[in-house]
Amino acid sequence: MSIKSPCILVCSMDLASGYCFGCGRTRDEIAGWIDFTPEARRQVMAELPARMDTIERKPRRETRRQRMARERQDVTQE
């Protein structure tokens, strides 16, 4: 089973930590994700929650992916 990218379309790097504000990956992990083995992807995914806790500024706006998910949910609830 393929492990999807954790990208939430908030592509901006925290200069202090080197992690993306949206997904928590490093530039190298983002660039190499397509070539990572499933085990390498699982390892990165396991580290993301702790990484996100180290990022001082969180995204303030709703991402495109979040908006689309919310809109799908709104339609299914009608």
C-alpha atoms as a PDB file:
ATOM      1  CA  MET A   1       0.000   0.000   0.000  1.00  0.00           C
ATOM      2  CA  SER A   2       1.325   3.407  -0.983  1.00  0.00           C
ATOM      3  CA  ILE A   3       1.863   6.067   1.676  1.00  0.00           C
ATOM      4  CA  LYS A   4       0.519   9.392   0.466  1.00  0.00           C
ATOM      5  CA  SER A   5       2.352  12.639   0.864  1.00  0.00           C
ATOM      6  CA  PRO A   6       1.506  14.581   4.039  1.00  0.00           C
ATOM      7  CA  CYS A   7       1.469  17.814   2.028  1.00  0.00           C
ATOM      8  CA  ILE A   8      -1.453  20.120   2.854  1.00  0.00           C
ATOM      9  CA  LEU A   9      -0.519  22.732   0.235  1.00  0.00           C
ATOM     10  CA  VAL A  10       0.993  25.166   2.745  1.00  0.00           C
ATOM     11  CA  CYS A  11       4.482  25.169   1.306  1.00  0.00           C
ATOM     12  CA  SER A  12       6.535  27.505   3.429  1.00  0.00           C
ATOM     13  CA  MET A  13       9.657  26.658   5.398  1.00  0.00           C
ATOM     14  CA  ASP A  14      10.322  27.536   9.031  1.00  0.00           C
ATOM     15  CA  LEU A  15      13.857  28.902   8.892  1.00  0.00           C
ATOM     16  CA  ALA A  16      14.546  28.097  12.559  1.00  0.00           C
ATOM     17  CA  SER A  17      13.733  24.386  12.347  1.00  0.00           C
ATOM     18  CA  GLY A  18      14.066  23.728   8.616  1.00  0.00           C
ATOM     19  CA  TYR A  19      10.611  22.109   8.533  1.00  0.00           C
ATOM     20  CA  CYS A  20       7.672  22.984   6.321  1.00  0.00           C
ATOM     21  CA  PHE A  21       4.914  24.847   8.198  1.00  0.00           C
ATOM     22  CA  GLY A  22       2.301  22.705   6.476  1.00  0.00           C
ATOM     23  CA  CYS A  23       3.607  19.152   6.618  1.00  0.00           C
ATOM     24  CA  GLY A  24       6.692  19.183   8.833  1.00  0.00           C
ATOM     25  CA  ARG A  25       9.081  17.712   6.266  1.00  0.00           C
ATOM     26  CA  THR A  26      12.497  19.062   5.312  1.00  0.00           C
ATOM     27  CA  ARG A  27      13.249  20.322   1.809  1.00  0.00           C
ATOM     28  CA  ASP A  28      15.183  17.136   1.068  1.00  0.00           C
ATOM     29  CA  GLU A  29      12.291  14.966   2.229  1.00  0.00           C
ATOM     30  CA  ILE A  30       9.823  16.926   0.121  1.00  0.00           C
ATOM     31  CA  ALA A  31      12.029  16.730  -2.956  1.00  0.00           C
ATOM     32  CA  GLY A  32      12.832  13.036  -2.521  1.00  0.00           C
ATOM     33  CA  TRP A  33       9.408  11.795  -1.358  1.00  0.00           C
ATOM     34  CA  ILE A  34       8.557  10.192  -4.695  1.00  0.00           C
ATOM     35  CA  ASP A  35      11.699   8.049  -4.523  1.00  0.00           C
ATOM     36  CA  PHE A  36      11.415   7.072  -0.833  1.00  0.00           C
ATOM     37  CA  THR A  37      10.718   3.453   0.030  1.00  0.00           C
ATOM     38  CA  PRO A  38       7.525   2.735   1.973  1.00  0.00           C
ATOM     39  CA  GLU A  39       9.660   2.160   5.098  1.00  0.00           C
ATOM     40  CA  ALA A  40      11.425   5.525   4.677  1.00  0.00           C
ATOM     41  CA  ARG A  41       8.035   7.228   4.235  1.00  0.00           C
ATOM     42  CA  ARG A  42       6.670   5.520   7.371  1.00  0.00           C
ATOM     43  CA  GLN A  43       9.702   6.707   9.329  1.00  0.00           C
ATOM     44  CA  VAL A  44       9.219  10.321   8.228  1.00  0.00           C
ATOM     45  CA  MET A  45       5.467  10.140   8.899  1.00  0.00           C
ATOM     46  CA  ALA A  46       6.142   8.877  12.432  1.00  0.00           C
ATOM     47  CA  GLU A  47       8.392  11.877  13.134  1.00  0.00           C
ATOM     48  CA  LEU A  48       6.012  14.554  11.831  1.00  0.00           C
ATOM     49  CA  PRO A  49       3.826  15.110  14.935  1.00  0.00           C
ATOM     50  CA  ALA A  50       6.868  15.828  17.118  1.00  0.00           C
ATOM     51  CA  ARG A  51       8.349  18.068  14.437  1.00  0.00           C
ATOM     52  CA  MET A  52       5.158  20.087  14.099  1.00  0.00           C
ATOM     53  CA  ASP A  53       5.296  20.783  17.840  1.00  0.00           C
ATOM     54  CA  THR A  54       8.694  22.473  17.355  1.00  0.00           C
ATOM     55  CA  ILE A  55       7.439  24.924  14.738  1.00  0.00           C
ATOM     56  CA  GLU A  56       6.630  28.240  16.408  1.00  0.00           C
ATOM     57  CA  ARG A  57       4.257  29.722  13.853  1.00  0.00           C
ATOM     58  CA  LYS A  58       1.350  27.684  12.581  1.00  0.00           C
ATOM     59  CA  PRO A  59      -0.430  28.432   9.299  1.00  0.00           C
ATOM     60  CA  ARG A  60      -3.227  30.949   9.920  1.00  0.00           C
ATOM     61  CA  ARG A  61      -5.270  30.406   6.830  1.00  0.00           C
ATOM     62  CA  GLU A  62      -7.411  27.514   5.735  1.00  0.00           C
ATOM     63  CA  THR A  63      -5.532  25.468   3.158  1.00  0.00           C
ATOM     64  CA  ARG A  64      -6.986  24.466  -0.176  1.00  0.00           C
ATOM     65  CA  ARG A  65      -7.045  20.836   0.927  1.00  0.00           C
ATOM     66  CA  GLN A  66      -8.848  21.718   4.165  1.00  0.00           C
ATOM     67  CA  ARG A  67     -11.372  23.845   2.294  1.00  0.00           C
ATOM     68  CA  MET A  68     -12.084  21.071  -0.208  1.00  0.00           C
ATOM     69  CA  ALA A  69     -12.532  18.517   2.602  1.00  0.00           C
ATOM     70  CA  ARG A  70     -14.866  20.889   4.465  1.00  0.00           C
ATOM     71  CA  GLU A  71     -16.901  21.507   1.314  1.00  0.00           C
ATOM     72  CA  ARG A  72     -17.198  17.761   0.659  1.00  0.00           C
ATOM     73  CA  GLN A  73     -18.320  17.243   4.250  1.00  0.00           C
ATOM     74  CA  ASP A  74     -20.884  20.044   3.964  1.00  0.00           C
ATOM     75  CA  VAL A  75     -22.345  18.455   0.824  1.00  0.00           C
ATOM     76  CA  THR A  76     -22.600  15.000   2.402  1.00  0.00           C
ATOM     77  CA  GLN A  77     -24.366  16.413   5.472  1.00  0.00           C
ATOM     78  CA  GLU A  78     -27.106  18.073   3.431  1.00  0.00           C
END
